[in-house]
Amino acid sequence: PNKGIVSVPDQRLQELGDLSSSQNIIPTKIEFVDIAGLVKGASKGEGLGNKFLSNIREVDAIAHVVRCFEDENVTHVHNAIDPEYDIEIIESELLLSDIERAENIIEKLNKLIKIGKNENKEERDLFLKVLDNLQSADTNDLSNYSSEELQIINKNGILSFKPLMYVANLDEKSIKSGNIYNQKLKDLSKIKKIPLVNISAKIEEELSSIKDIKEKKELMKSMDIDQSGLDQFISSGFKLLNLVTFFTSGEKETKAWTLKKESYAPDAAGKIHTDFKKGFIAADVISYNKLLKLGGEKEAKLSGNIRTEGKDYIVKDGDVILFKFNV
């Protein structure tokens, strides 16, 4: 698989950097892994099925990039443009692979239980529930699983439970208005409650070849594009991972950091350095919006708007934090 690490676009970062007169502005990153499309029968080893499936197991979320354009110069493996069918093949292959995997896990756990290792009963029951969901192809709503259970499921390589999004690859003339293929995908994403992003790989290729930011913006304006499809794709992928962004800001640098939602202040401190988490004392916190409105850290301190939070504070998206620690 091809891997690419990209910066997550975030307008707040530049504004915060300007406010602090920072020498460096450092965005947070997200890694994309481009895995070649699966063919029908991949779960049984067709094509490079097993290898591709093992590559997918390593990711945190899955994006189906689906063809939604006609071009006789670009071949399609089934010689027909049908995004719904393409998705059905992929999802079926993932399900079939997962069913086999869940059955093997249950078999191993049953063997352990038979020799008296009853501590495995809870996990066996969890995977019986997982198997039932997989066999009925019901993996969209995972609200009846706890976060701990989902961690166990993910650790065991069940693909159909990973967060999922659809990416419609359109031709240049359809990127604003859409087309019949894109509309079908839109309808499907609404039914399945799966996020959808439209991109045009052709346009993105053209934009990526332009290094001058002003020239790039002018080209986007001429195409009536406010935000590049790639930026939308990155932002949607970031949301899919259930992350929040917090910031550290000063004269030296303004930096964006990522953290799982509902994480505590010491976890955020640990993202910067493990010593920060070990020796965590407190965190001085202010929201990005409030800091911007007040005009900077000095004004925020004078007006008493910077709060001191302890270990039980849950970090919010957009928090600007200064950590206090002792090692």
Protein backbone atom coordinates (compact mmCIF):
# COMPACT_ATOMS: atom_id res chain seq x y z
CA PRO A 1 0.00 0.00 0.00
CA ASN A 2 0.99 3.61 -0.66
CA LYS A 3 1.16 5.75 2.48
CA GLY A 4 0.86 9.51 2.72
CA ILE A 5 1.02 11.75 5.79
CA VAL A 6 -0.92 14.99 5.28
CA SER A 7 -1.61 18.11 7.34
CA VAL A 8 -5.15 18.55 8.62
CA PRO A 9 -6.47 21.93 7.38
CA ASP A 10 -7.59 24.11 10.31
CA GLN A 11 -8.14 27.84 9.94
CA ARG A 12 -7.96 28.30 13.73
CA LEU A 13 -4.27 27.40 13.71
CA GLN A 14 -3.18 30.36 11.55
CA GLU A 15 -5.36 32.80 13.50
CA LEU A 16 -3.94 31.55 16.78
CA GLY A 17 -0.39 31.73 15.42
CA ASP A 18 -0.94 35.34 14.30
CA LEU A 19 -2.36 36.21 17.73
CA SER A 20 0.73 34.79 19.50
CA SER A 21 3.18 36.13 16.85
CA SER A 22 4.49 32.55 16.59
CA GLN A 23 7.68 31.80 14.68
CA ASN A 24 6.36 28.39 13.62
CA ILE A 25 2.86 27.07 12.94
CA ILE A 26 2.59 23.28 13.08
CA PRO A 27 -0.61 21.51 11.99
CA THR A 28 -1.68 18.09 13.18
CA LYS A 29 -1.22 15.17 10.75
CA ILE A 30 -3.30 12.27 9.50
CA GLU A 31 -1.94 9.21 7.68
CA PHE A 32 -3.75 7.84 4.63
CA VAL A 33 -3.04 4.34 3.37
CA ASP A 34 -3.98 3.72 -0.26
CA ILE A 35 -4.89 0.04 -0.53
CA ALA A 36 -5.65 -1.40 -3.97
CA GLY A 37 -9.32 -2.32 -4.54
CA LEU A 38 -10.51 -5.76 -3.52
CA VAL A 39 -11.96 -8.09 -6.14
CA LYS A 40 -14.89 -10.45 -5.72
CA GLY A 41 -13.70 -13.51 -3.83
CA ALA A 42 -10.95 -11.64 -1.97
CA SER A 43 -12.08 -13.16 1.35
CA LYS A 44 -11.27 -16.57 -0.17
CA GLY A 45 -7.88 -15.40 -1.43
CA GLU A 46 -8.82 -14.20 -4.93
CA GLY A 47 -6.38 -11.64 -6.35
CA LEU A 48 -4.18 -10.53 -3.47
CA GLY A 49 -7.20 -10.71 -1.19
CA ASN A 50 -5.69 -11.93 2.05
CA LYS A 51 -2.79 -9.50 1.83
CA PHE A 52 -5.10 -6.55 1.13
CA LEU A 53 -7.37 -7.55 3.99
CA SER A 54 -4.44 -7.67 6.40
CA ASN A 55 -3.41 -4.16 5.27
CA ILE A 56 -6.94 -2.86 6.01
CA ARG A 57 -6.78 -4.36 9.52
CA GLU A 58 -3.97 -1.95 10.40
CA VAL A 59 -6.05 1.22 9.80
CA ASP A 60 -8.38 3.03 12.22
CA ALA A 61 -11.10 3.93 9.70
CA ILE A 62 -12.00 2.97 6.13
CA ALA A 63 -12.79 5.24 3.16
CA HIS A 64 -14.36 3.60 0.08
CA VAL A 65 -13.19 5.62 -2.93
CA VAL A 66 -15.84 4.85 -5.54
CA ARG A 67 -15.82 5.64 -9.26
CA CYS A 68 -18.66 7.98 -10.27
CA PHE A 69 -17.59 9.07 -13.76
CA GLU A 70 -17.64 7.77 -17.34
CA ASP A 71 -14.47 7.67 -19.41
CA GLU A 72 -13.85 5.08 -22.12
CA ASN A 73 -10.09 5.56 -21.68
CA VAL A 74 -10.25 4.38 -18.05
CA THR A 75 -11.19 0.73 -17.69
CA HIS A 76 -13.41 -0.66 -14.96
CA VAL A 77 -12.93 -4.18 -13.64
CA HIS A 78 -16.65 -4.99 -14.28
CA ASN A 79 -16.92 -2.92 -17.49
CA ALA A 80 -19.83 -0.96 -16.00
CA ILE A 81 -20.05 2.12 -13.77
CA ASP A 82 -22.16 1.12 -10.78
CA PRO A 83 -21.02 2.61 -7.45
CA GLU A 84 -23.64 0.68 -5.44
CA TYR A 85 -22.44 -2.65 -6.84
CA ASP A 86 -18.79 -1.70 -6.25
CA ILE A 87 -19.56 -0.91 -2.60
CA GLU A 88 -21.60 -4.10 -2.22
CA ILE A 89 -18.63 -6.20 -3.39
CA ILE A 90 -16.21 -4.53 -0.97
CA GLU A 91 -18.55 -4.66 2.01
CA SER A 92 -19.52 -8.29 1.28
CA GLU A 93 -15.88 -9.33 1.11
CA LEU A 94 -15.13 -7.59 4.41
CA LEU A 95 -18.18 -9.25 6.02
CA LEU A 96 -17.25 -12.73 4.76
CA SER A 97 -13.70 -12.30 6.00
CA ASP A 98 -14.98 -11.07 9.38
CA ILE A 99 -17.48 -13.95 9.79
CA GLU A 100 -14.70 -16.49 9.28
CA ARG A 101 -12.45 -14.57 11.68
CA ALA A 102 -15.16 -14.31 14.38
CA GLU A 103 -15.91 -18.05 14.09
CA ASN A 104 -12.20 -18.85 14.57
CA ILE A 105 -11.99 -16.54 17.62
CA ILE A 106 -15.08 -18.18 19.19
CA GLU A 107 -13.64 -21.66 18.52
CA LYS A 108 -10.34 -20.76 20.24
CA LEU A 109 -12.11 -19.21 23.23
CA ASN A 110 -14.41 -22.25 23.59
CA LYS A 111 -11.35 -24.51 23.75
CA LEU A 112 -9.90 -22.38 26.56
CA ILE A 113 -13.23 -22.45 28.45
CA LYS A 114 -13.37 -26.26 28.12
CA ILE A 115 -10.06 -26.62 29.95
CA GLY A 116 -11.36 -24.46 32.80
CA LYS A 117 -10.26 -20.98 31.73
CA ASN A 118 -13.63 -19.39 32.53
CA GLU A 119 -12.20 -15.86 32.40
CA ASN A 120 -12.62 -16.16 28.59
CA LYS A 121 -16.43 -16.54 28.80
CA GLU A 122 -17.09 -12.80 28.65
CA GLU A 123 -15.02 -12.36 25.49
CA ARG A 124 -16.57 -15.48 23.91
CA ASP A 125 -20.08 -14.04 24.55
CA LEU A 126 -18.97 -10.73 23.03
CA PHE A 127 -17.86 -12.45 19.82
CA LEU A 128 -21.08 -14.50 19.65
CA LYS A 129 -22.87 -11.14 19.59
CA VAL A 130 -20.41 -9.86 16.97
CA LEU A 131 -20.98 -12.96 14.82
CA ASP A 132 -24.75 -12.48 15.02
CA ASN A 133 -24.37 -8.87 13.81
CA LEU A 134 -22.04 -9.91 11.00
CA GLN A 135 -24.30 -12.72 9.78
CA SER A 136 -27.25 -10.34 9.60
CA ALA A 137 -25.01 -7.66 7.97
CA ASP A 138 -25.95 -5.28 10.78
CA THR A 139 -22.78 -3.32 11.58
CA ASN A 140 -23.82 0.31 11.04
CA ASP A 141 -25.22 0.99 14.52
CA LEU A 142 -22.68 0.04 17.20
CA SER A 143 -24.40 1.88 20.06
CA ASN A 144 -25.08 -1.41 21.87
CA TYR A 145 -21.32 -1.95 22.32
CA SER A 146 -19.24 -0.21 24.98
CA SER A 147 -16.02 1.59 24.02
CA GLU A 148 -14.05 -1.18 25.81
CA GLU A 149 -15.86 -3.86 23.77
CA LEU A 150 -15.18 -1.99 20.52
CA GLN A 151 -11.48 -1.83 21.44
CA ILE A 152 -11.42 -5.63 21.89
CA ILE A 153 -13.27 -6.12 18.57
CA ASN A 154 -10.87 -3.80 16.73
CA LYS A 155 -7.81 -5.41 18.36
CA ASN A 156 -8.99 -8.73 16.93
CA GLY A 157 -9.08 -7.34 13.38
CA ILE A 158 -12.84 -7.20 12.67
CA LEU A 159 -13.05 -4.90 9.64
CA SER A 160 -16.81 -4.28 9.36
CA PHE A 161 -16.89 -2.51 12.73
CA LYS A 162 -14.37 0.15 11.71
CA PRO A 163 -15.67 3.70 11.10
CA LEU A 164 -16.55 4.09 7.42
CA MET A 165 -16.98 6.86 4.84
CA TYR A 166 -17.69 6.97 1.10
CA VAL A 167 -15.65 9.10 -1.31
CA ALA A 168 -17.23 9.71 -4.72
CA ASN A 169 -14.63 10.28 -7.44
CA LEU A 170 -16.35 12.51 -10.04
CA ASP A 171 -15.29 14.04 -13.35
CA GLU A 172 -14.50 17.76 -13.53
CA LYS A 173 -17.83 18.85 -14.99
CA SER A 174 -19.84 17.02 -12.30
CA ILE A 175 -17.97 18.13 -9.18
CA LYS A 176 -20.42 20.97 -8.38
CA SER A 177 -23.73 19.63 -9.75
CA GLY A 178 -23.14 15.89 -9.32
CA ASN A 179 -24.38 13.17 -11.68
CA ILE A 180 -26.60 10.06 -11.63
CA TYR A 181 -23.86 7.87 -10.11
CA ASN A 182 -23.09 10.36 -7.40
CA GLN A 183 -26.82 10.73 -6.63
CA LYS A 184 -27.15 6.95 -6.15
CA LEU A 185 -24.24 7.04 -3.73
CA LYS A 186 -25.78 10.01 -1.92
CA ASP A 187 -29.04 8.09 -1.44
CA LEU A 188 -27.16 5.02 -0.20
CA SER A 189 -25.09 7.06 2.26
CA LYS A 190 -28.29 8.60 3.70
CA ILE A 191 -29.93 5.19 4.18
CA LYS A 192 -26.79 3.73 5.79
CA LYS A 193 -25.95 6.95 7.69
CA ILE A 194 -22.42 6.88 6.31
CA PRO A 195 -20.68 10.22 5.53
CA LEU A 196 -20.01 11.01 1.87
CA VAL A 197 -17.43 13.34 0.31
CA ASN A 198 -17.25 14.31 -3.37
CA ILE A 199 -13.84 14.76 -4.99
CA SER A 200 -12.46 14.93 -8.50
CA ALA A 201 -9.09 13.20 -8.63
CA LYS A 202 -8.41 15.00 -11.91
CA ILE A 203 -8.93 18.44 -10.35
CA GLU A 204 -6.94 17.48 -7.23
CA GLU A 205 -4.05 16.33 -9.42
CA GLU A 206 -4.10 19.70 -11.20
CA LEU A 207 -4.27 21.65 -7.92
CA SER A 208 -1.46 19.63 -6.33
CA SER A 209 0.87 20.49 -9.22
CA ILE A 210 0.51 24.24 -8.45
CA LYS A 211 2.88 25.38 -5.70
CA ASP A 212 1.87 29.06 -5.65
CA ILE A 213 -1.03 29.45 -3.14
CA LYS A 214 -2.44 32.57 -4.89
CA GLU A 215 -2.45 30.82 -8.27
CA LYS A 216 -4.12 27.77 -6.69
CA LYS A 217 -6.85 29.94 -5.15
CA GLU A 218 -7.44 31.68 -8.50
CA LEU A 219 -7.84 28.32 -10.25
CA MET A 220 -10.29 27.14 -7.57
CA LYS A 221 -12.25 30.39 -7.93
CA SER A 222 -12.45 29.92 -11.71
CA MET A 223 -13.88 26.44 -11.09
CA ASP A 224 -16.30 27.81 -8.46
CA ILE A 225 -14.68 25.68 -5.71
CA ASP A 226 -14.53 27.07 -2.15
CA GLN A 227 -12.57 24.21 -0.59
CA SER A 228 -10.61 21.51 -2.38
CA GLY A 229 -12.11 18.02 -2.32
CA LEU A 230 -8.89 16.77 -0.76
CA ASP A 231 -9.25 19.20 2.17
CA GLN A 232 -12.86 18.07 2.65
CA PHE A 233 -11.72 14.45 2.51
CA ILE A 234 -9.00 15.06 5.12
CA SER A 235 -11.38 16.94 7.43
CA SER A 236 -14.08 14.25 7.12
CA GLY A 237 -11.51 11.52 7.76
CA PHE A 238 -10.40 13.37 10.87
CA LYS A 239 -14.01 13.58 12.15
CA LEU A 240 -14.50 9.89 11.40
CA LEU A 241 -11.66 9.03 13.77
CA ASN A 242 -13.61 10.64 16.64
CA LEU A 243 -10.83 13.06 17.50
CA VAL A 244 -10.66 16.54 18.97
CA THR A 245 -7.97 19.17 18.37
CA PHE A 246 -6.37 21.16 21.15
CA PHE A 247 -3.68 23.80 20.77
CA THR A 248 -0.51 24.98 22.47
CA SER A 249 0.51 28.51 21.51
CA GLY A 250 3.34 30.93 22.21
CA GLU A 251 5.99 33.04 20.51
CA LYS A 252 8.10 30.03 19.62
CA GLU A 253 5.31 28.00 18.00
CA THR A 254 1.59 27.37 17.72
CA LYS A 255 0.83 23.69 17.36
CA ALA A 256 -2.29 21.57 16.87
CA TRP A 257 -2.54 18.24 18.72
CA THR A 258 -5.07 15.45 18.37
CA LEU A 259 -6.76 13.40 21.05
CA LYS A 260 -9.65 10.94 21.26
CA LYS A 261 -12.92 12.57 22.32
CA GLU A 262 -13.72 12.35 26.04
CA SER A 263 -10.01 12.21 26.98
CA TYR A 264 -8.70 13.80 30.17
CA ALA A 265 -6.18 16.63 30.58
CA PRO A 266 -3.25 14.30 31.61
CA ASP A 267 -3.81 12.31 28.35
CA ALA A 268 -3.50 15.55 26.40
CA ALA A 269 -0.32 16.41 28.32
CA GLY A 270 1.06 12.97 27.42
CA LYS A 271 0.62 13.76 23.71
CA ILE A 272 3.24 16.48 24.10
CA HIS A 273 5.63 14.44 26.25
CA THR A 274 5.25 11.35 28.47
CA ASP A 275 6.87 13.31 31.34
CA PHE A 276 4.04 15.85 31.13
CA LYS A 277 1.53 13.10 31.88
CA LYS A 278 3.60 11.50 34.65
CA GLY A 279 4.16 14.76 36.48
CA PHE A 280 0.84 16.44 35.62
CA ILE A 281 -0.20 19.08 38.16
CA ALA A 282 -2.79 21.23 36.34
CA ALA A 283 -3.74 22.77 33.01
CA ASP A 284 -4.46 26.42 32.23
CA VAL A 285 -7.29 26.31 29.69
CA ILE A 286 -9.18 28.78 27.50
CA SER A 287 -11.29 28.11 24.42
CA TYR A 288 -9.87 29.24 21.08
CA ASN A 289 -12.97 31.40 20.40
CA LYS A 290 -12.72 33.23 23.72
CA LEU A 291 -8.95 33.81 23.38
CA LEU A 292 -9.44 35.25 19.90
CA LYS A 293 -12.30 37.47 21.06
CA LEU A 294 -10.28 38.82 24.02
CA GLY A 295 -7.26 39.55 21.82
CA GLY A 296 -4.56 37.33 23.33
CA GLU A 297 -3.17 35.57 26.41
CA LYS A 298 -2.30 38.78 28.28
CA GLU A 299 -5.87 40.12 27.97
CA ALA A 300 -7.31 36.70 28.86
CA LYS A 301 -5.25 36.59 32.08
CA LEU A 302 -6.18 40.15 33.07
CA SER A 303 -9.89 39.43 32.57
CA GLY A 304 -9.67 36.16 34.53
CA ASN A 305 -10.85 34.01 31.61
CA ILE A 306 -8.08 31.40 31.82
CA ARG A 307 -9.28 28.49 33.97
CA THR A 308 -7.05 26.14 35.96
CA GLU A 309 -8.26 22.56 35.46
CA GLY A 310 -7.20 19.33 37.18
CA LYS A 311 -6.85 15.65 36.25
CA ASP A 312 -10.61 15.13 35.79
CA TYR A 313 -10.99 17.81 33.11
CA ILE A 314 -12.22 16.45 29.74
CA VAL A 315 -10.44 18.24 26.89
CA LYS A 316 -12.76 20.01 24.41
CA ASP A 317 -12.19 20.64 20.72
CA GLY A 318 -10.56 24.06 20.32
CA ASP A 319 -9.06 24.27 23.81
CA VAL A 320 -5.82 26.28 24.09
CA ILE A 321 -3.82 24.73 26.94
CA LEU A 322 -0.71 25.44 28.99
CA PHE A 323 0.28 22.41 31.10
CA LYS A 324 1.87 22.59 34.55
CA PHE A 325 3.91 19.57 35.53
CA ASN A 326 6.66 18.43 37.86
CA VAL A 327 9.06 15.57 37.14
